[in-house]
PDB file of all heavy atoms in Angstrom:
ATOM      1  N   GLN A   1       9.549 -55.824  -3.104  1.00  0.00           N
ATOM      2  CA  GLN A   1      10.131 -54.872  -4.175  1.00  0.00           C
ATOM      3  C   GLN A   1       9.097 -53.890  -4.616  1.00  0.00           C
ATOM      4  O   GLN A   1       8.081 -54.327  -5.204  1.00  0.00           O
ATOM      5  CB  GLN A   1      10.684 -55.675  -5.284  1.00  0.00           C
ATOM      6  CG  GLN A   1      11.627 -54.831  -6.198  1.00  0.00           C
ATOM      7  CD  GLN A   1      12.306 -55.782  -7.234  1.00  0.00           C
ATOM      8  OE1 GLN A   1      11.594 -56.347  -8.084  1.00  0.00           O
ATOM      9  NE2 GLN A   1      13.582 -55.938  -7.147  1.00  0.00           N
ATOM     10  N   GLN A   2       9.296 -52.635  -4.369  1.00  0.00           N
ATOM     11  CA  GLN A   2       8.399 -51.586  -4.880  1.00  0.00           C
ATOM     12  C   GLN A   2       9.298 -50.425  -5.387  1.00  0.00           C
ATOM     13  O   GLN A   2      10.477 -50.368  -5.123  1.00  0.00           O
ATOM     14  CB  GLN A   2       7.438 -51.091  -3.841  1.00  0.00           C
ATOM     15  CG  GLN A   2       6.601 -52.171  -3.273  1.00  0.00           C
ATOM     16  CD  GLN A   2       5.601 -51.620  -2.292  1.00  0.00           C
ATOM     17  OE1 GLN A   2       5.063 -50.561  -2.446  1.00  0.00           O
ATOM     18  NE2 GLN A   2       5.286 -52.435  -1.269  1.00  0.00           N
ATOM     19  N   THR A   3       8.631 -49.478  -6.068  1.00  0.00           N
ATOM     20  CA  THR A   3       9.370 -48.313  -6.505  1.00  0.00           C
ATOM     21  C   THR A   3       8.754 -47.068  -5.947  1.00  0.00           C
ATOM     22  O   THR A   3       7.554 -47.056  -5.639  1.00  0.00           O
ATOM     23  CB  THR A   3       9.384 -48.261  -8.069  1.00  0.00           C
ATOM     24  OG1 THR A   3       8.043 -48.127  -8.477  1.00  0.00           O
ATOM     25  CG2 THR A   3      10.054 -49.415  -8.688  1.00  0.00           C
ATOM     26  N   ALA A   4       9.559 -46.031  -5.862  1.00  0.00           N
ATOM     27  CA  ALA A   4       9.076 -44.786  -5.470  1.00  0.00           C
ATOM     28  C   ALA A   4       9.607 -43.719  -6.441  1.00  0.00           C
ATOM     29  O   ALA A   4      10.741 -43.656  -6.757  1.00  0.00           O
ATOM     30  CB  ALA A   4       9.533 -44.344  -4.075  1.00  0.00           C
ATOM     31  N   ILE A   5       8.694 -42.896  -6.973  1.00  0.00           N
ATOM     32  CA  ILE A   5       9.086 -41.985  -8.055  1.00  0.00           C
ATOM     33  C   ILE A   5       8.751 -40.527  -7.498  1.00  0.00           C
ATOM     34  O   ILE A   5       7.653 -40.292  -6.954  1.00  0.00           O
ATOM     35  CB  ILE A   5       8.290 -42.199  -9.283  1.00  0.00           C
ATOM     36  CG1 ILE A   5       8.520 -43.585  -9.827  1.00  0.00           C
ATOM     37  CG2 ILE A   5       8.722 -41.129 -10.372  1.00  0.00           C
ATOM     38  CD1 ILE A   5       7.760 -43.945 -11.088  1.00  0.00           C
ATOM     39  N   ASP A   6       9.813 -39.672  -7.580  1.00  0.00           N
ATOM     40  CA  ASP A   6       9.550 -38.270  -7.026  1.00  0.00           C
ATOM     41  C   ASP A   6       8.756 -37.486  -7.988  1.00  0.00           C
ATOM     42  O   ASP A   6       8.257 -37.922  -9.043  1.00  0.00           O
ATOM     43  CB  ASP A   6      10.899 -37.606  -6.697  1.00  0.00           C
ATOM     44  CG  ASP A   6      11.727 -37.309  -7.897  1.00  0.00           C
ATOM     45  OD1 ASP A   6      11.239 -37.436  -9.056  1.00  0.00           O
ATOM     46  OD2 ASP A   6      12.946 -37.020  -7.736  1.00  0.00           O
ATOM     47  N   ASP A   7       8.587 -36.174  -7.597  1.00  0.00           N
ATOM     48  CA  ASP A   7       7.665 -35.319  -8.370  1.00  0.00           C
ATOM     49  C   ASP A   7       8.117 -35.029  -9.819  1.00  0.00           C
ATOM     50  O   ASP A   7       7.288 -34.694 -10.624  1.00  0.00           O
ATOM     51  CB  ASP A   7       7.467 -34.043  -7.659  1.00  0.00           C
ATOM     52  CG  ASP A   7       8.783 -33.220  -7.397  1.00  0.00           C
ATOM     53  OD1 ASP A   7       9.620 -33.946  -6.752  1.00  0.00           O
ATOM     54  OD2 ASP A   7       8.894 -32.186  -7.814  1.00  0.00           O
ATOM     55  N   SER A   8       9.389 -35.257 -10.075  1.00  0.00           N
ATOM     56  CA  SER A   8       9.883 -35.037 -11.440  1.00  0.00           C
ATOM     57  C   SER A   8       9.690 -36.200 -12.306  1.00  0.00           C
ATOM     58  O   SER A   8       9.894 -36.162 -13.598  1.00  0.00           O
ATOM     59  CB  SER A   8      11.359 -34.706 -11.418  1.00  0.00           C
ATOM     60  OG  SER A   8      12.184 -35.882 -10.944  1.00  0.00           O
ATOM     61  N   ALA A   9       9.276 -37.388 -11.715  1.00  0.00           N
ATOM     62  CA  ALA A   9       9.012 -38.613 -12.401  1.00  0.00           C
ATOM     63  C   ALA A   9      10.264 -39.108 -13.095  1.00  0.00           C
ATOM     64  O   ALA A   9      10.170 -39.882 -14.137  1.00  0.00           O
ATOM     65  CB  ALA A   9       7.799 -38.422 -13.431  1.00  0.00           C
ATOM     66  N   VAL A  10      11.439 -38.754 -12.546  1.00  0.00           N
ATOM     67  CA  VAL A  10      12.663 -39.219 -13.166  1.00  0.00           C
ATOM     68  C   VAL A  10      13.453 -40.070 -12.210  1.00  0.00           C
ATOM     69  O   VAL A  10      13.909 -41.189 -12.563  1.00  0.00           O
ATOM     70  CB  VAL A  10      13.566 -38.001 -13.509  1.00  0.00           C
ATOM     71  CG1 VAL A  10      15.006 -38.455 -13.882  1.00  0.00           C
ATOM     72  CG2 VAL A  10      12.928 -37.155 -14.609  1.00  0.00           C
ATOM     73  N   HIS A  11      13.463 -39.679 -10.945  1.00  0.00           N
ATOM     74  CA  HIS A  11      14.242 -40.469  -9.961  1.00  0.00           C
ATOM     75  C   HIS A  11      13.519 -41.696  -9.478  1.00  0.00           C
ATOM     76  O   HIS A  11      12.426 -41.569  -9.016  1.00  0.00           O
ATOM     77  CB  HIS A  11      14.571 -39.538  -8.770  1.00  0.00           C
ATOM     78  CG  HIS A  11      15.304 -40.168  -7.658  1.00  0.00           C
ATOM     79  ND1 HIS A  11      16.598 -40.762  -7.869  1.00  0.00           N
ATOM     80  CD2 HIS A  11      15.035 -40.422  -6.380  1.00  0.00           C
ATOM     81  CE1 HIS A  11      16.982 -41.224  -6.765  1.00  0.00           C
ATOM     82  NE2 HIS A  11      16.037 -41.043  -5.768  1.00  0.00           N
ATOM     83  N   MET A  12      14.136 -42.841  -9.592  1.00  0.00           N
ATOM     84  CA  MET A  12      13.490 -44.093  -9.189  1.00  0.00           C
ATOM     85  C   MET A  12      14.454 -44.815  -8.248  1.00  0.00           C
ATOM     86  O   MET A  12      15.622 -44.965  -8.436  1.00  0.00           O
ATOM     87  CB  MET A  12      13.186 -44.942 -10.379  1.00  0.00           C
ATOM     88  CG  MET A  12      12.462 -46.246  -9.998  1.00  0.00           C
ATOM     89  SD  MET A  12      11.986 -47.235 -11.471  1.00  0.00           S
ATOM     90  CE  MET A  12      10.689 -46.251 -12.024  1.00  0.00           C
ATOM     91  N   VAL A  13      13.865 -45.296  -7.154  1.00  0.00           N
ATOM     92  CA  VAL A  13      14.617 -46.064  -6.158  1.00  0.00           C
ATOM     93  C   VAL A  13      13.966 -47.390  -5.996  1.00  0.00           C
ATOM     94  O   VAL A  13      12.735 -47.490  -5.710  1.00  0.00           O
ATOM     95  CB  VAL A  13      14.667 -45.334  -4.793  1.00  0.00           C
ATOM     96  CG1 VAL A  13      15.464 -46.133  -3.801  1.00  0.00           C
ATOM     97  CG2 VAL A  13      15.320 -43.962  -4.991  1.00  0.00           C
ATOM     98  N   TRP A  14      14.660 -48.511  -6.110  1.00  0.00           N
ATOM     99  CA  TRP A  14      14.146 -49.874  -5.845  1.00  0.00           C
ATOM    100  C   TRP A  14      14.362 -50.178  -4.395  1.00  0.00           C
ATOM    101  O   TRP A  14      15.374 -50.030  -3.871  1.00  0.00           O
ATOM    102  CB  TRP A  14      14.862 -50.851  -6.763  1.00  0.00           C
ATOM    103  CG  TRP A  14      14.386 -50.858  -8.151  1.00  0.00           C
ATOM    104  CD1 TRP A  14      15.018 -50.294  -9.214  1.00  0.00           C
ATOM    105  CD2 TRP A  14      13.222 -51.486  -8.703  1.00  0.00           C
ATOM    106  NE1 TRP A  14      14.327 -50.402 -10.321  1.00  0.00           N
ATOM    107  CE2 TRP A  14      13.222 -51.215 -10.025  1.00  0.00           C
ATOM    108  CE3 TRP A  14      12.241 -52.319  -8.216  1.00  0.00           C
ATOM    109  CZ2 TRP A  14      12.274 -51.677 -10.845  1.00  0.00           C
ATOM    110  CZ3 TRP A  14      11.279 -52.762  -8.960  1.00  0.00           C
ATOM    111  CH2 TRP A  14      11.268 -52.499 -10.319  1.00  0.00           C
ATOM    112  N   LEU A  15      13.278 -50.737  -3.842  1.00  0.00           N
ATOM    113  CA  LEU A  15      13.307 -51.053  -2.440  1.00  0.00           C
ATOM    114  C   LEU A  15      13.403 -52.542  -2.387  1.00  0.00           C
ATOM    115  O   LEU A  15      12.421 -53.215  -2.833  1.00  0.00           O
ATOM    116  CB  LEU A  15      12.114 -50.513  -1.727  1.00  0.00           C
ATOM    117  CG  LEU A  15      11.931 -49.029  -1.885  1.00  0.00           C
ATOM    118  CD1 LEU A  15      10.638 -48.640  -1.263  1.00  0.00           C
ATOM    119  CD2 LEU A  15      13.029 -48.279  -1.209  1.00  0.00           C
ATOM    120  N   ILE A  16      14.384 -53.090  -1.809  1.00  0.00           N
ATOM    121  CA  ILE A  16      14.496 -54.554  -1.641  1.00  0.00           C
ATOM    122  C   ILE A  16      14.639 -54.972  -0.215  1.00  0.00           C
ATOM    123  O   ILE A  16      15.542 -54.632   0.459  1.00  0.00           O
ATOM    124  CB  ILE A  16      15.759 -55.069  -2.440  1.00  0.00           C
ATOM    125  CG1 ILE A  16      15.687 -54.656  -3.930  1.00  0.00           C
ATOM    126  CG2 ILE A  16      15.990 -56.570  -2.320  1.00  0.00           C
ATOM    127  CD1 ILE A  16      16.941 -54.929  -4.653  1.00  0.00           C
ATOM    128  N   LYS A  17      13.543 -55.763   0.225  1.00  0.00           N
ATOM    129  CA  LYS A  17      13.484 -56.194   1.544  1.00  0.00           C
ATOM    130  C   LYS A  17      13.716 -55.076   2.530  1.00  0.00           C
ATOM    131  O   LYS A  17      14.620 -55.093   3.382  1.00  0.00           O
ATOM    132  CB  LYS A  17      14.461 -57.328   1.763  1.00  0.00           C
ATOM    133  CG  LYS A  17      14.125 -58.598   1.004  1.00  0.00           C
ATOM    134  CD  LYS A  17      14.930 -59.736   1.390  1.00  0.00           C
ATOM    135  CE  LYS A  17      14.579 -60.978   0.500  1.00  0.00           C
ATOM    136  NZ  LYS A  17      13.129 -61.379   0.684  1.00  0.00           N
ATOM    137  N   LEU A  18      12.935 -54.007   2.413  1.00  0.00           N
ATOM    138  CA  LEU A  18      13.078 -52.835   3.275  1.00  0.00           C
ATOM    139  C   LEU A  18      12.824 -53.293   4.699  1.00  0.00           C
ATOM    140  O   LEU A  18      11.859 -53.951   5.000  1.00  0.00           O
ATOM    141  CB  LEU A  18      12.046 -51.808   2.807  1.00  0.00           C
ATOM    142  CG  LEU A  18      12.192 -50.482   3.502  1.00  0.00           C
ATOM    143  CD1 LEU A  18      13.406 -49.745   2.853  1.00  0.00           C
ATOM    144  CD2 LEU A  18      10.921 -49.635   3.164  1.00  0.00           C
ATOM    145  N   ASP A  19      13.612 -52.765   5.665  1.00  0.00           N
ATOM    146  CA  ASP A  19      13.419 -53.082   7.086  1.00  0.00           C
ATOM    147  C   ASP A  19      12.987 -51.837   7.864  1.00  0.00           C
ATOM    148  O   ASP A  19      12.849 -50.746   7.260  1.00  0.00           O
ATOM    149  CB  ASP A  19      14.635 -53.715   7.705  1.00  0.00           C
ATOM    150  CG  ASP A  19      15.879 -52.862   7.666  1.00  0.00           C
ATOM    151  OD1 ASP A  19      15.691 -51.606   7.773  1.00  0.00           O
ATOM    152  OD2 ASP A  19      16.953 -53.326   7.497  1.00  0.00           O
ATOM    153  N   PHE A  20      12.728 -51.953   9.100  1.00  0.00           N
ATOM    154  CA  PHE A  20      12.220 -50.902   9.853  1.00  0.00           C
ATOM    155  C   PHE A  20      13.144 -49.730  10.046  1.00  0.00           C
ATOM    156  O   PHE A  20      12.745 -48.596  10.364  1.00  0.00           O
ATOM    157  CB  PHE A  20      11.795 -51.456  11.270  1.00  0.00           C
ATOM    158  CG  PHE A  20      10.638 -52.370  11.237  1.00  0.00           C
ATOM    159  CD1 PHE A  20      10.850 -53.654  11.269  1.00  0.00           C
ATOM    160  CD2 PHE A  20       9.329 -51.870  11.247  1.00  0.00           C
ATOM    161  CE1 PHE A  20       9.685 -54.582  11.283  1.00  0.00           C
ATOM    162  CE2 PHE A  20       8.189 -52.679  11.270  1.00  0.00           C
ATOM    163  CZ  PHE A  20       8.485 -54.081  11.283  1.00  0.00           C
ATOM    164  N   ASP A  21      14.475 -49.981   9.860  1.00  0.00           N
ATOM    165  CA  ASP A  21      15.431 -48.940  10.087  1.00  0.00           C
ATOM    166  C   ASP A  21      15.762 -48.093   8.874  1.00  0.00           C
ATOM    167  O   ASP A  21      16.538 -47.170   8.923  1.00  0.00           O
ATOM    168  CB  ASP A  21      16.703 -49.596  10.659  1.00  0.00           C
ATOM    169  CG  ASP A  21      16.475 -50.102  11.956  1.00  0.00           C
ATOM    170  OD1 ASP A  21      15.923 -49.437  12.797  1.00  0.00           O
ATOM    171  OD2 ASP A  21      16.906 -51.305  12.227  1.00  0.00           O
ATOM    172  N   ASP A  22      15.155 -48.397   7.791  1.00  0.00           N
ATOM    173  CA  ASP A  22      15.448 -47.617   6.556  1.00  0.00           C
ATOM    174  C   ASP A  22      14.706 -46.241   6.738  1.00  0.00           C
ATOM    175  O   ASP A  22      13.517 -46.243   7.006  1.00  0.00           O
ATOM    176  CB  ASP A  22      14.967 -48.324   5.237  1.00  0.00           C
ATOM    177  CG  ASP A  22      15.904 -49.404   4.944  1.00  0.00           C
ATOM    178  OD1 ASP A  22      17.064 -49.224   4.901  1.00  0.00           O
ATOM    179  OD2 ASP A  22      15.383 -50.507   4.613  1.00  0.00           O
ATOM    180  N   PRO A  23      15.424 -45.148   6.423  1.00  0.00           N
ATOM    181  CA  PRO A  23      14.736 -43.855   6.668  1.00  0.00           C
ATOM    182  C   PRO A  23      13.756 -43.503   5.551  1.00  0.00           C
ATOM    183  O   PRO A  23      13.852 -44.026   4.463  1.00  0.00           O
ATOM    184  CB  PRO A  23      15.863 -42.881   6.659  1.00  0.00           C
ATOM    185  CG  PRO A  23      16.915 -43.573   5.790  1.00  0.00           C
ATOM    186  CD  PRO A  23      16.727 -44.989   6.042  1.00  0.00           C
ATOM    187  N   VAL A  24      12.895 -42.549   5.800  1.00  0.00           N
ATOM    188  CA  VAL A  24      11.926 -42.013   4.844  1.00  0.00           C
ATOM    189  C   VAL A  24      12.363 -40.560   4.593  1.00  0.00           C
ATOM    190  O   VAL A  24      12.629 -39.812   5.531  1.00  0.00           O
ATOM    191  CB  VAL A  24      10.482 -42.055   5.353  1.00  0.00           C
ATOM    192  CG1 VAL A  24       9.559 -41.483   4.327  1.00  0.00           C
ATOM    193  CG2 VAL A  24      10.093 -43.428   5.826  1.00  0.00           C
ATOM    194  N   TYR A  25      12.437 -40.226   3.316  1.00  0.00           N
ATOM    195  CA  TYR A  25      12.675 -38.788   3.000  1.00  0.00           C
ATOM    196  C   TYR A  25      11.363 -38.150   2.612  1.00  0.00           C
ATOM    197  O   TYR A  25      10.533 -38.630   1.874  1.00  0.00           O
ATOM    198  CB  TYR A  25      13.611 -38.754   1.724  1.00  0.00           C
ATOM    199  CG  TYR A  25      14.964 -39.242   2.086  1.00  0.00           C
ATOM    200  CD1 TYR A  25      15.323 -40.576   1.916  1.00  0.00           C
ATOM    201  CD2 TYR A  25      15.882 -38.302   2.554  1.00  0.00           C
ATOM    202  CE1 TYR A  25      16.665 -40.951   2.281  1.00  0.00           C
ATOM    203  CE2 TYR A  25      17.138 -38.742   2.947  1.00  0.00           C
ATOM    204  CZ  TYR A  25      17.485 -40.062   2.749  1.00  0.00           C
ATOM    205  OH  TYR A  25      18.815 -40.522   3.084  1.00  0.00           O
ATOM    206  N   LEU A  26      11.173 -36.909   3.060  1.00  0.00           N
ATOM    207  CA  LEU A  26      10.052 -36.069   2.742  1.00  0.00           C
ATOM    208  C   LEU A  26      10.419 -34.937   1.834  1.00  0.00           C
ATOM    209  O   LEU A  26      11.161 -34.102   2.114  1.00  0.00           O
ATOM    210  CB  LEU A  26       9.477 -35.561   4.008  1.00  0.00           C
ATOM    211  CG  LEU A  26       8.120 -34.775   3.847  1.00  0.00           C
ATOM    212  CD1 LEU A  26       7.039 -35.715   3.357  1.00  0.00           C
ATOM    213  CD2 LEU A  26       7.716 -34.190   5.150  1.00  0.00           C
ATOM    214  N   ASN A  27       9.875 -35.002   0.546  1.00  0.00           N
ATOM    215  CA  ASN A  27      10.161 -33.947  -0.395  1.00  0.00           C
ATOM    216  C   ASN A  27       9.167 -32.772   0.046  1.00  0.00           C
ATOM    217  O   ASN A  27       8.000 -32.858  -0.249  1.00  0.00           O
ATOM    218  CB  ASN A  27       9.804 -34.414  -1.804  1.00  0.00           C
ATOM    219  CG  ASN A  27      10.042 -33.412  -2.878  1.00  0.00           C
ATOM    220  OD1 ASN A  27       9.900 -32.301  -2.572  1.00  0.00           O
ATOM    221  ND2 ASN A  27      10.489 -33.810  -4.049  1.00  0.00           N
ATOM    222  N   THR A  28       9.752 -31.801   0.682  1.00  0.00           N
ATOM    223  CA  THR A  28       8.884 -30.775   1.256  1.00  0.00           C
ATOM    224  C   THR A  28       8.204 -29.872   0.192  1.00  0.00           C
ATOM    225  O   THR A  28       7.246 -29.167   0.553  1.00  0.00           O
ATOM    226  CB  THR A  28       9.797 -29.955   2.203  1.00  0.00           C
ATOM    227  OG1 THR A  28      10.873 -29.390   1.468  1.00  0.00           O
ATOM    228  CG2 THR A  28      10.226 -30.680   3.404  1.00  0.00           C
ATOM    229  N   SER A  29       8.772 -29.870  -1.048  1.00  0.00           N
ATOM    230  CA  SER A  29       8.077 -29.048  -2.077  1.00  0.00           C
ATOM    231  C   SER A  29       6.780 -29.610  -2.520  1.00  0.00           C
ATOM    232  O   SER A  29       5.856 -28.832  -2.915  1.00  0.00           O
ATOM    233  CB  SER A  29       8.975 -28.878  -3.277  1.00  0.00           C
ATOM    234  OG  SER A  29       9.288 -30.220  -3.871  1.00  0.00           O
ATOM    235  N   THR A  30       6.592 -30.897  -2.350  1.00  0.00           N
ATOM    236  CA  THR A  30       5.349 -31.521  -2.804  1.00  0.00           C
ATOM    237  C   THR A  30       4.768 -32.394  -1.800  1.00  0.00           C
ATOM    238  O   THR A  30       3.613 -32.968  -2.006  1.00  0.00           O
ATOM    239  CB  THR A  30       5.553 -32.385  -4.112  1.00  0.00           C
ATOM    240  OG1 THR A  30       6.556 -33.422  -3.790  1.00  0.00           O
ATOM    241  CG2 THR A  30       6.095 -31.524  -5.232  1.00  0.00           C
ATOM    242  N   TRP A  31       5.424 -32.531  -0.677  1.00  0.00           N
ATOM    243  CA  TRP A  31       4.960 -33.424   0.417  1.00  0.00           C
ATOM    244  C   TRP A  31       4.742 -34.832   0.003  1.00  0.00           C
ATOM    245  O   TRP A  31       3.903 -35.588   0.444  1.00  0.00           O
ATOM    246  CB  TRP A  31       3.649 -32.832   1.080  1.00  0.00           C
ATOM    247  CG  TRP A  31       3.868 -31.516   1.632  1.00  0.00           C
ATOM    248  CD1 TRP A  31       3.434 -30.317   1.050  1.00  0.00           C
ATOM    249  CD2 TRP A  31       4.508 -31.118   2.766  1.00  0.00           C
ATOM    250  NE1 TRP A  31       3.742 -29.252   1.798  1.00  0.00           N
ATOM    251  CE2 TRP A  31       4.445 -29.698   2.847  1.00  0.00           C
ATOM    252  CE3 TRP A  31       5.233 -31.843   3.769  1.00  0.00           C
ATOM    253  CZ2 TRP A  31       5.036 -29.029   3.882  1.00  0.00           C
ATOM    254  CZ3 TRP A  31       5.817 -31.138   4.781  1.00  0.00           C
ATOM    255  CH2 TRP A  31       5.701 -29.736   4.883  1.00  0.00           C
ATOM    256  N   ASN A  32       5.622 -35.251  -0.969  1.00  0.00           N
ATOM    257  CA  ASN A  32       5.606 -36.674  -1.416  1.00  0.00           C
ATOM    258  C   ASN A  32       6.675 -37.443  -0.631  1.00  0.00           C
ATOM    259  O   ASN A  32       7.762 -36.915  -0.431  1.00  0.00           O
ATOM    260  CB  ASN A  32       5.951 -36.752  -2.956  1.00  0.00           C
ATOM    261  CG  ASN A  32       4.782 -36.259  -3.753  1.00  0.00           C
ATOM    262  OD1 ASN A  32       3.566 -36.355  -3.370  1.00  0.00           O
ATOM    263  ND2 ASN A  32       5.171 -35.633  -4.894  1.00  0.00           N
ATOM    264  N   LEU A  33       6.352 -38.654  -0.283  1.00  0.00           N
ATOM    265  CA  LEU A  33       7.318 -39.544   0.403  1.00  0.00           C
ATOM    266  C   LEU A  33       8.120 -40.252  -0.660  1.00  0.00           C
ATOM    267  O   LEU A  33       7.660 -40.767  -1.632  1.00  0.00           O
ATOM    268  CB  LEU A  33       6.509 -40.587   1.240  1.00  0.00           C
ATOM    269  CG  LEU A  33       5.872 -40.058   2.523  1.00  0.00           C
ATOM    270  CD1 LEU A  33       5.197 -41.185   3.135  1.00  0.00           C
ATOM    271  CD2 LEU A  33       6.902 -39.434   3.499  1.00  0.00           C
ATOM    272  N   VAL A  34       9.503 -40.119  -0.333  1.00  0.00           N
ATOM    273  CA  VAL A  34      10.430 -40.804  -1.347  1.00  0.00           C
ATOM    274  C   VAL A  34      11.343 -41.739  -0.405  1.00  0.00           C
ATOM    275  O   VAL A  34      11.970 -41.214   0.510  1.00  0.00           O
ATOM    276  CB  VAL A  34      11.350 -39.740  -2.032  1.00  0.00           C
ATOM    277  CG1 VAL A  34      12.335 -40.538  -2.873  1.00  0.00           C
ATOM    278  CG2 VAL A  34      10.535 -38.786  -2.829  1.00  0.00           C
ATOM    279  N   TRP A  35      11.260 -43.049  -0.742  1.00  0.00           N
ATOM    280  CA  TRP A  35      12.022 -43.974   0.081  1.00  0.00           C
ATOM    281  C   TRP A  35      13.488 -44.189  -0.682  1.00  0.00           C
ATOM    282  O   TRP A  35      13.513 -44.185  -1.864  1.00  0.00           O
ATOM    283  CB  TRP A  35      11.282 -45.283   0.101  1.00  0.00           C
ATOM    284  CG  TRP A  35      10.110 -45.270   0.893  1.00  0.00           C
ATOM    285  CD1 TRP A  35       8.880 -44.825   0.430  1.00  0.00           C
ATOM    286  CD2 TRP A  35       9.908 -45.715   2.265  1.00  0.00           C
ATOM    287  NE1 TRP A  35       7.941 -44.984   1.411  1.00  0.00           N
ATOM    288  CE2 TRP A  35       8.581 -45.511   2.553  1.00  0.00           C
ATOM    289  CE3 TRP A  35      10.789 -46.286   3.121  1.00  0.00           C
ATOM    290  CZ2 TRP A  35       8.120 -45.868   3.802  1.00  0.00           C
ATOM    291  CZ3 TRP A  35      10.295 -46.631   4.387  1.00  0.00           C
ATOM    292  CH2 TRP A  35       8.887 -46.360   4.707  1.00  0.00           C
ATOM    293  N   GLN A  36      14.434 -44.375   0.138  1.00  0.00           N
ATOM    294  CA  GLN A  36      15.825 -44.551  -0.413  1.00  0.00           C
ATOM    295  C   GLN A  36      16.482 -45.602   0.461  1.00  0.00           C
ATOM    296  O   GLN A  36      16.591 -45.456   1.702  1.00  0.00           O
ATOM    297  CB  GLN A  36      16.548 -43.320  -0.482  1.00  0.00           C
ATOM    298  CG  GLN A  36      18.047 -43.467  -1.081  1.00  0.00           C
ATOM    299  CD  GLN A  36      18.732 -42.166  -1.190  1.00  0.00           C
ATOM    300  OE1 GLN A  36      18.118 -41.141  -1.449  1.00  0.00           O
ATOM    301  NE2 GLN A  36      20.077 -42.216  -1.131  1.00  0.00           N
ATOM    302  N   ARG A  37      17.110 -46.616  -0.156  1.00  0.00           N
ATOM    303  CA  ARG A  37      17.855 -47.653   0.542  1.00  0.00           C
ATOM    304  C   ARG A  37      19.219 -46.991   0.814  1.00  0.00           C
ATOM    305  O   ARG A  37      19.870 -46.467  -0.007  1.00  0.00           O
ATOM    306  CB  ARG A  37      18.002 -48.855  -0.317  1.00  0.00           C
ATOM    307  CG  ARG A  37      18.773 -50.007   0.404  1.00  0.00           C
ATOM    308  CD  ARG A  37      17.967 -50.587   1.379  1.00  0.00           C
ATOM    309  NE  ARG A  37      18.660 -51.780   1.979  1.00  0.00           N
ATOM    310  CZ  ARG A  37      18.236 -52.486   3.019  1.00  0.00           C
ATOM    311  NH1 ARG A  37      17.097 -52.153   3.556  1.00  0.00           N
ATOM    312  NH2 ARG A  37      18.951 -53.541   3.537  1.00  0.00           N
ATOM    313  N   ARG A  38      19.743 -47.122   2.131  1.00  0.00           N
ATOM    314  CA  ARG A  38      21.015 -46.592   2.513  1.00  0.00           C
ATOM    315  C   ARG A  38      22.097 -47.689   2.544  1.00  0.00           C
ATOM    316  O   ARG A  38      21.813 -48.861   2.596  1.00  0.00           O
ATOM    317  CB  ARG A  38      20.845 -45.921   3.866  1.00  0.00           C
ATOM    318  CG  ARG A  38      19.737 -44.840   4.006  1.00  0.00           C
ATOM    319  CD  ARG A  38      19.970 -43.788   3.019  1.00  0.00           C
ATOM    320  NE  ARG A  38      21.065 -42.870   3.299  1.00  0.00           N
ATOM    321  CZ  ARG A  38      20.984 -41.889   4.182  1.00  0.00           C
ATOM    322  NH1 ARG A  38      19.881 -41.574   4.751  1.00  0.00           N
ATOM    323  NH2 ARG A  38      22.057 -41.151   4.372  1.00  0.00           N
ATOM    324  N   TYR A  39      23.248 -47.295   2.437  1.00  0.00           N
ATOM    325  CA  TYR A  39      24.362 -48.227   2.504  1.00  0.00           C
ATOM    326  C   TYR A  39      25.674 -47.568   2.971  1.00  0.00           C
ATOM    327  O   TYR A  39      25.744 -46.321   2.977  1.00  0.00           O
ATOM    328  CB  TYR A  39      24.661 -48.755   1.055  1.00  0.00           C
ATOM    329  CG  TYR A  39      24.719 -47.667  -0.075  1.00  0.00           C
ATOM    330  CD1 TYR A  39      25.928 -47.195  -0.421  1.00  0.00           C
ATOM    331  CD2 TYR A  39      23.623 -47.220  -0.667  1.00  0.00           C
ATOM    332  CE1 TYR A  39      26.136 -46.185  -1.359  1.00  0.00           C
ATOM    333  CE2 TYR A  39      23.759 -46.254  -1.619  1.00  0.00           C
ATOM    334  CZ  TYR A  39      24.993 -45.757  -1.988  1.00  0.00           C
ATOM    335  OH  TYR A  39      25.078 -44.785  -2.957  1.00  0.00           O
TER     336      TYR A  39
END
């Protein structure tokens, strides 16, 4: 379990038992990696 916070420091996504198939999002405005669990 980890968190990822975007450049606005507002959006938070909890990562629970992330596997290899979960995608990575790239915030192109700041080149920060933001992880999001899909469903």
